[in-house]
């Protein structure tokens, strides 16, 4: 796997920028009946599919995005990444 490129400050992406972009995606899901959202009318809203949903919506604005992990609780998670 290629190493992410660092900017002049030595960061891949500022967490402020990541938080803003992620919040935009999460606002579409938060306190919503997922089965009624267009995307999840076609697929089961499992943790795996939620991770895929978030990944596909972030990948165009975060060029070094490698994966998205969704946590159900302290010990259970699902990670989505493209090969």
N, C-alpha and C. Protein backbone atom coordinates (compact mmCIF):
# COMPACT_ATOMS: atom_id res chain seq x y z
N UNK A 1 0.85 -1.18 0.00
CA UNK A 1 0.00 0.00 0.00
C UNK A 1 0.89 1.24 0.00
N UNK A 2 0.56 2.21 -0.83
CA UNK A 2 1.33 3.44 -0.92
C UNK A 2 1.17 4.26 0.36
N UNK A 3 2.25 4.92 0.73
CA UNK A 3 2.21 5.78 1.92
C UNK A 3 1.50 7.08 1.56
N UNK A 4 0.66 7.60 2.47
CA UNK A 4 -0.02 8.87 2.19
C UNK A 4 0.97 10.02 2.10
N UNK A 5 0.68 10.96 1.25
CA UNK A 5 1.53 12.14 1.11
C UNK A 5 1.24 13.12 2.23
N UNK A 6 2.29 13.63 2.82
CA UNK A 6 2.15 14.63 3.88
C UNK A 6 2.22 16.02 3.27
N UNK A 7 1.48 16.95 3.85
CA UNK A 7 1.57 18.33 3.40
C UNK A 7 2.78 19.00 4.04
N UNK A 8 2.94 20.30 3.82
CA UNK A 8 4.13 21.00 4.32
C UNK A 8 4.19 21.05 5.85
N UNK A 9 3.07 20.82 6.52
CA UNK A 9 3.07 20.80 7.98
C UNK A 9 3.27 19.40 8.53
N UNK A 10 3.40 18.41 7.63
CA UNK A 10 3.63 17.04 8.06
C UNK A 10 2.35 16.27 8.38
N UNK A 11 1.23 16.75 7.87
CA UNK A 11 -0.05 16.08 8.12
C UNK A 11 -0.62 15.53 6.81
N UNK A 12 -1.39 14.46 6.92
CA UNK A 12 -2.15 13.95 5.78
C UNK A 12 -3.40 14.81 5.61
N UNK A 13 -4.10 15.05 6.72
CA UNK A 13 -5.31 15.85 6.70
C UNK A 13 -5.55 16.40 8.10
N UNK A 14 -5.83 17.67 8.20
CA UNK A 14 -6.12 18.29 9.49
C UNK A 14 -7.41 17.69 10.04
N UNK A 15 -7.41 17.33 11.32
CA UNK A 15 -8.60 16.72 11.92
C UNK A 15 -9.81 17.65 11.87
N UNK A 16 -9.60 18.96 11.88
CA UNK A 16 -10.72 19.90 11.75
C UNK A 16 -11.43 19.71 10.41
N UNK A 17 -10.65 19.55 9.36
CA UNK A 17 -11.20 19.35 8.03
C UNK A 17 -11.91 18.00 7.96
N UNK A 18 -11.27 16.97 8.50
CA UNK A 18 -11.88 15.64 8.51
C UNK A 18 -13.20 15.66 9.28
N UNK A 19 -13.20 16.28 10.44
CA UNK A 19 -14.41 16.33 11.27
C UNK A 19 -15.55 17.03 10.54
N UNK A 20 -15.26 18.12 9.84
CA UNK A 20 -16.28 18.86 9.11
C UNK A 20 -16.87 18.01 7.98
N UNK A 21 -16.00 17.36 7.22
CA UNK A 21 -16.46 16.53 6.10
C UNK A 21 -17.23 15.31 6.60
N UNK A 22 -16.75 14.70 7.67
CA UNK A 22 -17.43 13.54 8.23
C UNK A 22 -18.78 13.94 8.81
N UNK A 23 -18.84 15.07 9.48
CA UNK A 23 -20.10 15.52 10.07
C UNK A 23 -21.16 15.75 9.01
N UNK A 24 -20.75 16.26 7.87
CA UNK A 24 -21.70 16.47 6.76
C UNK A 24 -22.35 15.14 6.36
N UNK A 25 -21.55 14.08 6.28
CA UNK A 25 -22.07 12.76 5.92
C UNK A 25 -22.92 12.19 7.04
N UNK A 26 -22.44 12.30 8.27
CA UNK A 26 -23.16 11.72 9.41
C UNK A 26 -24.49 12.42 9.67
N UNK A 27 -24.57 13.70 9.34
CA UNK A 27 -25.84 14.42 9.53
C UNK A 27 -26.97 13.80 8.70
N UNK A 28 -26.61 13.16 7.60
CA UNK A 28 -27.61 12.50 6.75
C UNK A 28 -28.14 11.22 7.41
N UNK A 29 -27.38 10.67 8.38
CA UNK A 29 -27.74 9.41 9.02
C UNK A 29 -28.25 9.57 10.44
N UNK A 30 -27.78 10.58 11.13
CA UNK A 30 -28.06 10.73 12.55
C UNK A 30 -29.55 10.94 12.84
N UNK A 31 -30.08 10.15 13.73
CA UNK A 31 -31.49 10.21 14.15
C UNK A 31 -32.46 10.03 12.98
N UNK A 32 -32.04 9.20 12.03
CA UNK A 32 -32.89 8.90 10.87
C UNK A 32 -33.25 7.43 10.89
N UNK A 33 -34.38 7.09 10.31
CA UNK A 33 -34.76 5.70 10.11
C UNK A 33 -34.04 5.27 8.84
N UNK A 34 -32.93 4.55 9.01
CA UNK A 34 -32.05 4.25 7.88
C UNK A 34 -32.75 3.52 6.75
N UNK A 35 -33.67 2.64 7.08
CA UNK A 35 -34.37 1.89 6.03
C UNK A 35 -35.20 2.79 5.11
N UNK A 36 -35.47 3.99 5.53
CA UNK A 36 -36.25 4.91 4.70
C UNK A 36 -35.38 5.81 3.81
N UNK A 37 -34.07 5.81 4.03
CA UNK A 37 -33.17 6.59 3.19
C UNK A 37 -32.98 5.89 1.85
N UNK A 38 -32.90 6.64 0.76
CA UNK A 38 -32.80 6.02 -0.57
C UNK A 38 -31.71 4.94 -0.68
N UNK A 39 -30.53 5.20 -0.18
CA UNK A 39 -29.43 4.24 -0.29
C UNK A 39 -29.77 2.93 0.41
N UNK A 40 -30.37 3.03 1.59
CA UNK A 40 -30.64 1.84 2.39
C UNK A 40 -31.97 1.17 2.07
N UNK A 41 -32.70 1.73 1.11
CA UNK A 41 -33.88 1.02 0.61
C UNK A 41 -33.43 -0.14 -0.27
N UNK A 42 -32.20 -0.04 -0.78
CA UNK A 42 -31.66 -1.06 -1.68
C UNK A 42 -30.79 -2.09 -0.95
N UNK A 43 -30.20 -1.68 0.18
CA UNK A 43 -29.29 -2.57 0.93
C UNK A 43 -29.62 -2.53 2.42
N UNK A 44 -29.31 -3.60 3.10
CA UNK A 44 -29.52 -3.69 4.54
C UNK A 44 -28.58 -2.71 5.26
N UNK A 45 -29.10 -1.89 6.19
CA UNK A 45 -28.24 -0.92 6.88
C UNK A 45 -27.40 -1.56 7.99
N UNK A 46 -26.61 -2.55 7.61
CA UNK A 46 -25.69 -3.19 8.54
C UNK A 46 -24.50 -2.27 8.78
N UNK A 47 -23.71 -2.57 9.77
CA UNK A 47 -22.50 -1.77 10.04
C UNK A 47 -21.58 -1.77 8.83
N UNK A 48 -21.50 -2.92 8.16
CA UNK A 48 -20.65 -3.01 6.97
C UNK A 48 -21.13 -2.06 5.88
N UNK A 49 -22.43 -2.00 5.67
CA UNK A 49 -22.98 -1.11 4.63
C UNK A 49 -22.92 0.36 5.04
N UNK A 50 -23.05 0.63 6.32
CA UNK A 50 -22.90 2.01 6.79
C UNK A 50 -21.47 2.48 6.58
N UNK A 51 -20.49 1.61 6.86
CA UNK A 51 -19.08 1.95 6.62
C UNK A 51 -18.85 2.22 5.13
N UNK A 52 -19.44 1.38 4.28
CA UNK A 52 -19.32 1.58 2.83
C UNK A 52 -19.96 2.91 2.42
N UNK A 53 -21.14 3.20 2.95
CA UNK A 53 -21.84 4.45 2.65
C UNK A 53 -20.97 5.66 3.00
N UNK A 54 -20.42 5.66 4.20
CA UNK A 54 -19.58 6.78 4.64
C UNK A 54 -18.34 6.88 3.76
N UNK A 55 -17.70 5.76 3.49
CA UNK A 55 -16.49 5.74 2.66
C UNK A 55 -16.77 6.34 1.28
N UNK A 56 -17.83 5.88 0.63
CA UNK A 56 -18.09 6.35 -0.73
C UNK A 56 -18.42 7.84 -0.77
N UNK A 57 -18.98 8.37 0.29
CA UNK A 57 -19.29 9.79 0.32
C UNK A 57 -18.10 10.66 0.70
N UNK A 58 -17.11 10.09 1.34
CA UNK A 58 -15.92 10.86 1.72
C UNK A 58 -14.78 10.76 0.72
N UNK A 59 -14.72 9.67 -0.06
CA UNK A 59 -13.54 9.41 -0.87
C UNK A 59 -13.23 10.50 -1.90
N UNK A 60 -14.23 11.18 -2.40
CA UNK A 60 -13.95 12.22 -3.40
C UNK A 60 -13.36 13.48 -2.77
N UNK A 61 -13.62 13.71 -1.50
CA UNK A 61 -13.10 14.92 -0.86
C UNK A 61 -11.89 14.66 0.04
N UNK A 62 -11.55 13.38 0.24
CA UNK A 62 -10.37 13.04 1.04
C UNK A 62 -9.53 12.08 0.20
N UNK A 63 -8.55 12.64 -0.49
CA UNK A 63 -7.81 11.85 -1.49
C UNK A 63 -7.02 10.70 -0.89
N UNK A 64 -6.60 10.78 0.36
CA UNK A 64 -5.81 9.72 0.97
C UNK A 64 -6.65 8.76 1.83
N UNK A 65 -7.96 8.81 1.67
CA UNK A 65 -8.83 7.94 2.46
C UNK A 65 -8.54 6.48 2.12
N UNK A 66 -8.27 5.68 3.14
CA UNK A 66 -7.96 4.27 2.94
C UNK A 66 -9.09 3.36 3.40
N UNK A 67 -9.77 3.74 4.49
CA UNK A 67 -10.84 2.89 5.02
C UNK A 67 -11.72 3.70 5.96
N UNK A 68 -12.88 3.13 6.25
CA UNK A 68 -13.79 3.69 7.24
C UNK A 68 -14.21 2.55 8.15
N UNK A 69 -14.15 2.78 9.45
CA UNK A 69 -14.58 1.79 10.43
C UNK A 69 -15.78 2.34 11.20
N UNK A 70 -16.81 1.51 11.32
CA UNK A 70 -18.00 1.84 12.08
C UNK A 70 -18.02 0.92 13.29
N UNK A 71 -18.16 1.52 14.46
CA UNK A 71 -18.19 0.76 15.71
C UNK A 71 -19.61 0.62 16.20
N UNK A 72 -20.01 -0.61 16.51
CA UNK A 72 -21.32 -0.88 17.10
C UNK A 72 -21.27 -0.72 18.61
N UNK A 73 -20.15 -1.12 19.19
CA UNK A 73 -19.90 -1.00 20.63
C UNK A 73 -18.40 -1.09 20.84
N UNK A 74 -17.96 -1.24 22.08
CA UNK A 74 -16.52 -1.24 22.37
C UNK A 74 -15.74 -2.39 21.73
N UNK A 75 -16.42 -3.46 21.37
CA UNK A 75 -15.72 -4.63 20.86
C UNK A 75 -16.14 -5.09 19.47
N UNK A 76 -17.14 -4.46 18.89
CA UNK A 76 -17.63 -4.89 17.57
C UNK A 76 -17.58 -3.74 16.57
N UNK A 77 -16.93 -4.01 15.44
CA UNK A 77 -16.82 -2.98 14.40
C UNK A 77 -16.81 -3.63 13.03
N UNK A 78 -17.00 -2.79 12.02
CA UNK A 78 -16.92 -3.22 10.63
C UNK A 78 -16.11 -2.17 9.87
N UNK A 79 -15.20 -2.63 9.05
CA UNK A 79 -14.35 -1.72 8.28
C UNK A 79 -14.58 -1.94 6.80
N UNK A 80 -14.69 -0.84 6.06
CA UNK A 80 -14.82 -0.91 4.62
C UNK A 80 -13.60 -0.26 3.98
N UNK A 81 -13.07 -0.91 2.95
CA UNK A 81 -11.98 -0.34 2.16
C UNK A 81 -12.08 -0.91 0.75
N UNK A 82 -11.58 -0.15 -0.19
CA UNK A 82 -11.53 -0.64 -1.56
C UNK A 82 -10.18 -1.30 -1.77
N UNK A 83 -10.13 -2.27 -2.67
CA UNK A 83 -8.87 -3.00 -2.91
C UNK A 83 -8.00 -2.25 -3.86
